[in-house]
Amino acid sequence: ALALALLLQLVVLPAVCFGIVVLFGLSPAYAI
């Protein structure tokens, strides 16, 4: 459980967020 939570928190979510930023074409300030 600890390993799954840390993997999601530290690796998966930033990667998913980057995809959402690109998908919606957010401005630089909102993307950051």
Full PDB file with SEQRES, HELIX, SHEET, SSBOND, CRYST1, ORIGX, SCALE, CONECT and MASTER records, all heavy atoms in Angstrom:
SEQRES   1 A   32  ALA LEU ALA LEU ALA LEU LEU LEU GLN LEU VAL VAL LEU          
SEQRES   2 A   32  PRO ALA VAL CYS PHE GLY ILE VAL VAL LEU PHE GLY LEU          
SEQRES   3 A   32  SER PRO ALA TYR ALA ILE                                      
HELIX    1 AA1 LEU A    2  LEU A    7  1                                   6    
HELIX    2 AA2 LEU A    8  VAL A   12  3                                   5    
HELIX    3 AA3 LEU A   13  PHE A   24  1                                  12    
HELIX    4 AA4 PRO A   28  ALA A   31  1                                   4    
CRYST1    1.000    1.000    1.000  90.00  90.00  90.00 P 1           1          
ORIGX1      1.000000  0.000000  0.000000        0.00000                         
ORIGX2      0.000000  1.000000  0.000000        0.00000                         
ORIGX3      0.000000  0.000000  1.000000        0.00000                         
SCALE1      1.000000  0.000000  0.000000        0.00000                         
SCALE2      0.000000  1.000000  0.000000        0.00000                         
SCALE3      0.000000  0.000000  1.000000        0.00000                         
ATOM      1  N   ALA A   1       0.828  -1.208   0.000  1.00  0.00           N  
ATOM      2  CA  ALA A   1       0.000   0.000   0.000  1.00  0.00           C  
ATOM      3  C   ALA A   1       0.862   1.258   0.000  1.00  0.00           C  
ATOM      4  O   ALA A   1       0.599   2.217  -0.736  1.00  0.00           O  
ATOM      5  CB  ALA A   1      -0.925  -0.010   1.219  1.00  0.00           C  
ATOM      6  N   LEU A   2       1.897   1.255   0.819  1.00  0.00           N  
ATOM      7  CA  LEU A   2       2.800   2.409   0.877  1.00  0.00           C  
ATOM      8  C   LEU A   2       3.498   2.612  -0.461  1.00  0.00           C  
ATOM      9  O   LEU A   2       3.607   3.747  -0.956  1.00  0.00           O  
ATOM     10  CB  LEU A   2       3.829   2.207   1.985  1.00  0.00           C  
ATOM     11  CG  LEU A   2       3.314   2.261   3.427  1.00  0.00           C  
ATOM     12  CD1 LEU A   2       4.417   1.859   4.399  1.00  0.00           C  
ATOM     13  CD2 LEU A   2       2.793   3.644   3.754  1.00  0.00           C  
ATOM     14  N   ALA A   3       3.966   1.522  -1.066  1.00  0.00           N  
ATOM     15  CA  ALA A   3       4.679   1.621  -2.346  1.00  0.00           C  
ATOM     16  C   ALA A   3       3.759   2.154  -3.441  1.00  0.00           C  
ATOM     17  O   ALA A   3       4.162   3.012  -4.241  1.00  0.00           O  
ATOM     18  CB  ALA A   3       5.240   0.257  -2.738  1.00  0.00           C  
ATOM     19  N   LEU A   4       2.515   1.654  -3.499  1.00  0.00           N  
ATOM     20  CA  LEU A   4       1.571   2.122  -4.510  1.00  0.00           C  
ATOM     21  C   LEU A   4       1.277   3.602  -4.339  1.00  0.00           C  
ATOM     22  O   LEU A   4       1.288   4.374  -5.320  1.00  0.00           O  
ATOM     23  CB  LEU A   4       0.270   1.318  -4.425  1.00  0.00           C  
ATOM     24  CG  LEU A   4      -0.855   1.786  -5.365  1.00  0.00           C  
ATOM     25  CD1 LEU A   4      -0.443   1.622  -6.817  1.00  0.00           C  
ATOM     26  CD2 LEU A   4      -2.151   1.022  -5.070  1.00  0.00           C  
ATOM     27  N   ALA A   5       1.023   4.022  -3.104  1.00  0.00           N  
ATOM     28  CA  ALA A   5       0.699   5.425  -2.854  1.00  0.00           C  
ATOM     29  C   ALA A   5       1.852   6.345  -3.240  1.00  0.00           C  
ATOM     30  O   ALA A   5       1.644   7.399  -3.860  1.00  0.00           O  
ATOM     31  CB  ALA A   5       0.338   5.622  -1.382  1.00  0.00           C  
ATOM     32  N   LEU A   6       3.075   5.961  -2.896  1.00  0.00           N  
ATOM     33  CA  LEU A   6       4.236   6.794  -3.214  1.00  0.00           C  
ATOM     34  C   LEU A   6       4.497   6.827  -4.718  1.00  0.00           C  
ATOM     35  O   LEU A   6       4.875   7.872  -5.269  1.00  0.00           O  
ATOM     36  CB  LEU A   6       5.468   6.292  -2.455  1.00  0.00           C  
ATOM     37  CG  LEU A   6       5.418   6.447  -0.931  1.00  0.00           C  
ATOM     38  CD1 LEU A   6       6.661   5.851  -0.296  1.00  0.00           C  
ATOM     39  CD2 LEU A   6       5.278   7.913  -0.548  1.00  0.00           C  
ATOM     40  N   LEU A   7       4.296   5.701  -5.404  1.00  0.00           N  
ATOM     41  CA  LEU A   7       4.469   5.675  -6.850  1.00  0.00           C  
ATOM     42  C   LEU A   7       3.478   6.613  -7.535  1.00  0.00           C  
ATOM     43  O   LEU A   7       3.846   7.389  -8.434  1.00  0.00           O  
ATOM     44  CB  LEU A   7       4.277   4.250  -7.369  1.00  0.00           C  
ATOM     45  CG  LEU A   7       4.341   4.073  -8.897  1.00  0.00           C  
ATOM     46  CD1 LEU A   7       5.734   4.402  -9.414  1.00  0.00           C  
ATOM     47  CD2 LEU A   7       3.942   2.648  -9.284  1.00  0.00           C  
ATOM     48  N   LEU A   8       2.232   6.571  -7.093  1.00  0.00           N  
ATOM     49  CA  LEU A   8       1.219   7.450  -7.669  1.00  0.00           C  
ATOM     50  C   LEU A   8       1.537   8.910  -7.381  1.00  0.00           C  
ATOM     51  O   LEU A   8       1.468   9.768  -8.268  1.00  0.00           O  
ATOM     52  CB  LEU A   8      -0.162   7.092  -7.115  1.00  0.00           C  
ATOM     53  CG  LEU A   8      -0.783   5.778  -7.594  1.00  0.00           C  
ATOM     54  CD1 LEU A   8      -2.025   5.454  -6.792  1.00  0.00           C  
ATOM     55  CD2 LEU A   8      -1.118   5.858  -9.074  1.00  0.00           C  
ATOM     56  N   GLN A   9       1.883   9.189  -6.139  1.00  0.00           N  
ATOM     57  CA  GLN A   9       2.104  10.570  -5.709  1.00  0.00           C  
ATOM     58  C   GLN A   9       3.320  11.203  -6.380  1.00  0.00           C  
ATOM     59  O   GLN A   9       3.264  12.351  -6.839  1.00  0.00           O  
ATOM     60  CB  GLN A   9       2.274  10.610  -4.183  1.00  0.00           C  
ATOM     61  CG  GLN A   9       2.589  11.982  -3.612  1.00  0.00           C  
ATOM     62  CD  GLN A   9       1.407  12.909  -3.714  1.00  0.00           C  
ATOM     63  OE1 GLN A   9       0.278  12.528  -3.433  1.00  0.00           O  
ATOM     64  NE2 GLN A   9       1.645  14.149  -4.104  1.00  0.00           N  
ATOM     65  N   LEU A  10       4.412  10.468  -6.451  1.00  0.00           N  
ATOM     66  CA  LEU A  10       5.684  11.057  -6.878  1.00  0.00           C  
ATOM     67  C   LEU A  10       5.934  10.946  -8.380  1.00  0.00           C  
ATOM     68  O   LEU A  10       6.679  11.764  -8.938  1.00  0.00           O  
ATOM     69  CB  LEU A  10       6.838  10.395  -6.120  1.00  0.00           C  
ATOM     70  CG  LEU A  10       6.805  10.535  -4.600  1.00  0.00           C  
ATOM     71  CD1 LEU A  10       7.936   9.750  -3.973  1.00  0.00           C  
ATOM     72  CD2 LEU A  10       6.877  12.001  -4.187  1.00  0.00           C  
ATOM     73  N   VAL A  11       5.335   9.952  -9.040  1.00  0.00           N  
ATOM     74  CA  VAL A  11       5.650   9.707 -10.452  1.00  0.00           C  
ATOM     75  C   VAL A  11       4.425   9.857 -11.355  1.00  0.00           C  
ATOM     76  O   VAL A  11       4.438  10.622 -12.324  1.00  0.00           O  
ATOM     77  CB  VAL A  11       6.264   8.301 -10.639  1.00  0.00           C  
ATOM     78  CG1 VAL A  11       6.565   8.049 -12.117  1.00  0.00           C  
ATOM     79  CG2 VAL A  11       7.525   8.148  -9.795  1.00  0.00           C  
ATOM     80  N   VAL A  12       3.360   9.108 -11.035  1.00  0.00           N  
ATOM     81  CA  VAL A  12       2.226   9.031 -11.942  1.00  0.00           C  
ATOM     82  C   VAL A  12       1.475  10.359 -12.034  1.00  0.00           C  
ATOM     83  O   VAL A  12       1.174  10.846 -13.143  1.00  0.00           O  
ATOM     84  CB  VAL A  12       1.269   7.906 -11.513  1.00  0.00           C  
ATOM     85  CG1 VAL A  12       0.015   7.907 -12.388  1.00  0.00           C  
ATOM     86  CG2 VAL A  12       1.972   6.562 -11.591  1.00  0.00           C  
ATOM     87  N   LEU A  13       1.166  10.977 -10.889  1.00  0.00           N  
ATOM     88  CA  LEU A  13       0.357  12.191 -10.921  1.00  0.00           C  
ATOM     89  C   LEU A  13       1.025  13.360 -11.640  1.00  0.00           C  
ATOM     90  O   LEU A  13       0.368  14.045 -12.441  1.00  0.00           O  
ATOM     91  CB  LEU A  13      -0.046  12.604  -9.506  1.00  0.00           C  
ATOM     92  CG  LEU A  13      -1.144  11.765  -8.854  1.00  0.00           C  
ATOM     93  CD1 LEU A  13      -1.610  12.404  -7.567  1.00  0.00           C  
ATOM     94  CD2 LEU A  13      -2.320  11.576  -9.803  1.00  0.00           C  
ATOM     95  N   PRO A  14       2.317  13.630 -11.402  1.00  0.00           N  
ATOM     96  CA  PRO A  14       2.937  14.702 -12.208  1.00  0.00           C  
ATOM     97  C   PRO A  14       2.892  14.424 -13.704  1.00  0.00           C  
ATOM     98  O   PRO A  14       2.673  15.336 -14.504  1.00  0.00           O  
ATOM     99  CB  PRO A  14       4.386  14.725 -11.674  1.00  0.00           C  
ATOM    100  CG  PRO A  14       4.271  14.243 -10.269  1.00  0.00           C  
ATOM    101  CD  PRO A  14       3.208  13.181 -10.321  1.00  0.00           C  
ATOM    102  N   ALA A  15       3.068  13.142 -14.093  1.00  0.00           N  
ATOM    103  CA  ALA A  15       3.001  12.791 -15.512  1.00  0.00           C  
ATOM    104  C   ALA A  15       1.591  12.988 -16.059  1.00  0.00           C  
ATOM    105  O   ALA A  15       1.400  13.532 -17.162  1.00  0.00           O  
ATOM    106  CB  ALA A  15       3.454  11.342 -15.712  1.00  0.00           C  
ATOM    107  N   VAL A  16       0.579  12.555 -15.305  1.00  0.00           N  
ATOM    108  CA  VAL A  16      -0.807  12.747 -15.717  1.00  0.00           C  
ATOM    109  C   VAL A  16      -1.138  14.229 -15.807  1.00  0.00           C  
ATOM    110  O   VAL A  16      -1.809  14.681 -16.751  1.00  0.00           O  
ATOM    111  CB  VAL A  16      -1.761  12.038 -14.734  1.00  0.00           C  
ATOM    112  CG1 VAL A  16      -3.210  12.453 -14.987  1.00  0.00           C  
ATOM    113  CG2 VAL A  16      -1.625  10.525 -14.853  1.00  0.00           C  
ATOM    114  N   CYS A  17      -0.673  14.995 -14.844  1.00  0.00           N  
ATOM    115  CA  CYS A  17      -0.929  16.436 -14.833  1.00  0.00           C  
ATOM    116  C   CYS A  17      -0.317  17.103 -16.062  1.00  0.00           C  
ATOM    117  O   CYS A  17      -0.929  17.995 -16.664  1.00  0.00           O  
ATOM    118  CB  CYS A  17      -0.376  17.048 -13.553  1.00  0.00           C  
ATOM    119  SG  CYS A  17      -0.747  18.800 -13.372  1.00  0.00           S  
ATOM    120  N   PHE A  18       0.877  16.684 -16.432  1.00  0.00           N  
ATOM    121  CA  PHE A  18       1.512  17.240 -17.630  1.00  0.00           C  
ATOM    122  C   PHE A  18       0.643  16.966 -18.858  1.00  0.00           C  
ATOM    123  O   PHE A  18       0.462  17.833 -19.722  1.00  0.00           O  
ATOM    124  CB  PHE A  18       2.898  16.641 -17.827  1.00  0.00           C  
ATOM    125  CG  PHE A  18       3.645  17.196 -19.011  1.00  0.00           C  
ATOM    126  CD1 PHE A  18       4.343  18.391 -18.906  1.00  0.00           C  
ATOM    127  CD2 PHE A  18       3.624  16.539 -20.227  1.00  0.00           C  
ATOM    128  CE1 PHE A  18       5.019  18.914 -19.993  1.00  0.00           C  
ATOM    129  CE2 PHE A  18       4.290  17.042 -21.336  1.00  0.00           C  
ATOM    130  CZ  PHE A  18       4.997  18.241 -21.214  1.00  0.00           C  
ATOM    131  N   GLY A  19       0.085  15.756 -18.940  1.00  0.00           N  
ATOM    132  CA  GLY A  19      -0.802  15.427 -20.049  1.00  0.00           C  
ATOM    133  C   GLY A  19      -2.046  16.303 -20.066  1.00  0.00           C  
ATOM    134  O   GLY A  19      -2.500  16.744 -21.134  1.00  0.00           O  
ATOM    135  N   ILE A  20      -2.614  16.574 -18.878  1.00  0.00           N  
ATOM    136  CA  ILE A  20      -3.795  17.438 -18.795  1.00  0.00           C  
ATOM    137  C   ILE A  20      -3.453  18.863 -19.222  1.00  0.00           C  
ATOM    138  O   ILE A  20      -4.224  19.525 -19.926  1.00  0.00           O  
ATOM    139  CB  ILE A  20      -4.363  17.411 -17.359  1.00  0.00           C  
ATOM    140  CG1 ILE A  20      -4.964  16.030 -17.066  1.00  0.00           C  
ATOM    141  CG2 ILE A  20      -5.412  18.506 -17.165  1.00  0.00           C  
ATOM    142  CD1 ILE A  20      -5.437  15.853 -15.636  1.00  0.00           C  
ATOM    143  N   VAL A  21      -2.293  19.351 -18.786  1.00  0.00           N  
ATOM    144  CA  VAL A  21      -1.844  20.692 -19.171  1.00  0.00           C  
ATOM    145  C   VAL A  21      -1.760  20.814 -20.692  1.00  0.00           C  
ATOM    146  O   VAL A  21      -2.219  21.802 -21.285  1.00  0.00           O  
ATOM    147  CB  VAL A  21      -0.476  20.991 -18.519  1.00  0.00           C  
ATOM    148  CG1 VAL A  21       0.191  22.186 -19.190  1.00  0.00           C  
ATOM    149  CG2 VAL A  21      -0.650  21.249 -17.033  1.00  0.00           C  
ATOM    150  N   VAL A  22      -1.159  19.811 -21.326  1.00  0.00           N  
ATOM    151  CA  VAL A  22      -1.024  19.827 -22.785  1.00  0.00           C  
ATOM    152  C   VAL A  22      -2.393  19.683 -23.456  1.00  0.00           C  
ATOM    153  O   VAL A  22      -2.701  20.368 -24.443  1.00  0.00           O  
ATOM    154  CB  VAL A  22      -0.074  18.700 -23.244  1.00  0.00           C  
ATOM    155  CG1 VAL A  22      -0.061  18.596 -24.768  1.00  0.00           C  
ATOM    156  CG2 VAL A  22       1.329  18.945 -22.713  1.00  0.00           C  
ATOM    157  N   LEU A  23      -3.239  18.799 -22.908  1.00  0.00           N  
ATOM    158  CA  LEU A  23      -4.563  18.556 -23.484  1.00  0.00           C  
ATOM    159  C   LEU A  23      -5.406  19.821 -23.526  1.00  0.00           C  
ATOM    160  O   LEU A  23      -6.068  20.113 -24.535  1.00  0.00           O  
ATOM    161  CB  LEU A  23      -5.283  17.467 -22.684  1.00  0.00           C  
ATOM    162  CG  LEU A  23      -6.735  17.161 -23.077  1.00  0.00           C  
ATOM    163  CD1 LEU A  23      -6.782  16.567 -24.480  1.00  0.00           C  
ATOM    164  CD2 LEU A  23      -7.378  16.222 -22.060  1.00  0.00           C  
ATOM    165  N   PHE A  24      -5.379  20.587 -22.437  1.00  0.00           N  
ATOM    166  CA  PHE A  24      -6.200  21.794 -22.351  1.00  0.00           C  
ATOM    167  C   PHE A  24      -5.476  23.036 -22.875  1.00  0.00           C  
ATOM    168  O   PHE A  24      -6.093  24.105 -22.951  1.00  0.00           O  
ATOM    169  CB  PHE A  24      -6.639  22.034 -20.906  1.00  0.00           C  
ATOM    170  CG  PHE A  24      -7.752  21.124 -20.457  1.00  0.00           C  
ATOM    171  CD1 PHE A  24      -7.478  19.897 -19.879  1.00  0.00           C  
ATOM    172  CD2 PHE A  24      -9.080  21.483 -20.624  1.00  0.00           C  
ATOM    173  CE1 PHE A  24      -8.489  19.047 -19.466  1.00  0.00           C  
ATOM    174  CE2 PHE A  24     -10.105  20.651 -20.222  1.00  0.00           C  
ATOM    175  CZ  PHE A  24      -9.814  19.426 -19.644  1.00  0.00           C  
ATOM    176  N   GLY A  25      -4.199  22.903 -23.218  1.00  0.00           N  
ATOM    177  CA  GLY A  25      -3.456  24.046 -23.737  1.00  0.00           C  
ATOM    178  C   GLY A  25      -3.395  25.207 -22.771  1.00  0.00           C  
ATOM    179  O   GLY A  25      -3.600  26.369 -23.165  1.00  0.00           O  
ATOM    180  N   LEU A  26      -3.134  24.929 -21.500  1.00  0.00           N  
ATOM    181  CA  LEU A  26      -3.128  25.975 -20.488  1.00  0.00           C  
ATOM    182  C   LEU A  26      -2.014  26.985 -20.731  1.00  0.00           C  
ATOM    183  O   LEU A  26      -0.970  26.662 -21.305  1.00  0.00           O  
ATOM    184  CB  LEU A  26      -2.966  25.363 -19.090  1.00  0.00           C  
ATOM    185  CG  LEU A  26      -4.088  24.436 -18.605  1.00  0.00           C  
ATOM    186  CD1 LEU A  26      -3.805  23.976 -17.181  1.00  0.00           C  
ATOM    187  CD2 LEU A  26      -5.452  25.120 -18.684  1.00  0.00           C  
ATOM    188  N   SER A  27      -2.242  28.195 -20.274  1.00  0.00           N  
ATOM    189  CA  SER A  27      -1.221  29.230 -20.367  1.00  0.00           C  
ATOM    190  C   SER A  27      -0.021  28.824 -19.516  1.00  0.00           C  
ATOM    191  O   SER A  27      -0.148  27.982 -18.607  1.00  0.00           O  
ATOM    192  CB  SER A  27      -1.775  30.556 -19.858  1.00  0.00           C  
ATOM    193  OG  SER A  27      -2.025  30.494 -18.463  1.00  0.00           O  
ATOM    194  N   PRO A  28       1.168  29.404 -19.777  1.00  0.00           N  
ATOM    195  CA  PRO A  28       2.359  29.025 -18.995  1.00  0.00           C  
ATOM    196  C   PRO A  28       2.162  29.147 -17.490  1.00  0.00           C  
ATOM    197  O   PRO A  28       2.565  28.251 -16.738  1.00  0.00           O  
ATOM    198  CB  PRO A  28       3.425  29.990 -19.509  1.00  0.00           C  
ATOM    199  CG  PRO A  28       3.015  30.269 -20.919  1.00  0.00           C  
ATOM    200  CD  PRO A  28       1.513  30.303 -20.894  1.00  0.00           C  
ATOM    201  N   ALA A  29       1.550  30.234 -17.028  1.00  0.00           N  
ATOM    202  CA  ALA A  29       1.374  30.429 -15.593  1.00  0.00           C  
ATOM    203  C   ALA A  29       0.475  29.354 -14.998  1.00  0.00           C  
ATOM    204  O   ALA A  29       0.781  28.774 -13.939  1.00  0.00           O  
ATOM    205  CB  ALA A  29       0.794  31.815 -15.310  1.00  0.00           C  
ATOM    206  N   TYR A  30      -0.643  29.054 -15.662  1.00  0.00           N  
ATOM    207  CA  TYR A  30      -1.554  28.033 -15.165  1.00  0.00           C  
ATOM    208  C   TYR A  30      -0.914  26.643 -15.233  1.00  0.00           C  
ATOM    209  O   TYR A  30      -1.122  25.810 -14.344  1.00  0.00           O  
ATOM    210  CB  TYR A  30      -2.857  28.037 -15.966  1.00  0.00           C  
ATOM    211  CG  TYR A  30      -3.728  29.245 -15.747  1.00  0.00           C  
ATOM    212  CD1 TYR A  30      -4.825  29.498 -16.569  1.00  0.00           C  
ATOM    213  CD2 TYR A  30      -3.463  30.152 -14.720  1.00  0.00           C  
ATOM    214  CE1 TYR A  30      -5.636  30.602 -16.371  1.00  0.00           C  
ATOM    215  CE2 TYR A  30      -4.261  31.257 -14.523  1.00  0.00           C  
ATOM    216  CZ  TYR A  30      -5.350  31.487 -15.347  1.00  0.00           C  
ATOM    217  OH  TYR A  30      -6.147  32.577 -15.156  1.00  0.00           O  
ATOM    218  N   ALA A  31      -0.142  26.392 -16.296  1.00  0.00           N  
ATOM    219  CA  ALA A  31       0.521  25.097 -16.441  1.00  0.00           C  
ATOM    220  C   ALA A  31       1.515  24.877 -15.298  1.00  0.00           C  
ATOM    221  O   ALA A  31       1.542  23.801 -14.679  1.00  0.00           O  
ATOM    222  CB  ALA A  31       1.246  25.027 -17.786  1.00  0.00           C  
ATOM    223  N   ILE A  32       2.323  25.878 -15.003  1.00  0.00           N  
ATOM    224  CA  ILE A  32       3.300  25.770 -13.913  1.00  0.00           C  
ATOM    225  C   ILE A  32       2.585  25.597 -12.580  1.00  0.00           C  
ATOM    226  O   ILE A  32       2.954  24.747 -11.757  1.00  0.00           O  
ATOM    227  CB  ILE A  32       4.207  27.012 -13.888  1.00  0.00           C  
ATOM    228  CG1 ILE A  32       5.077  27.057 -15.147  1.00  0.00           C  
ATOM    229  CG2 ILE A  32       5.093  27.018 -12.637  1.00  0.00           C  
ATOM    230  CD1 ILE A  32       5.815  28.361 -15.332  1.00  0.00           C  
TER     231      ILE A  32                                                      
MASTER        0    0    0    4    0    0    0    6  230    1    0    3          
END                                                                             
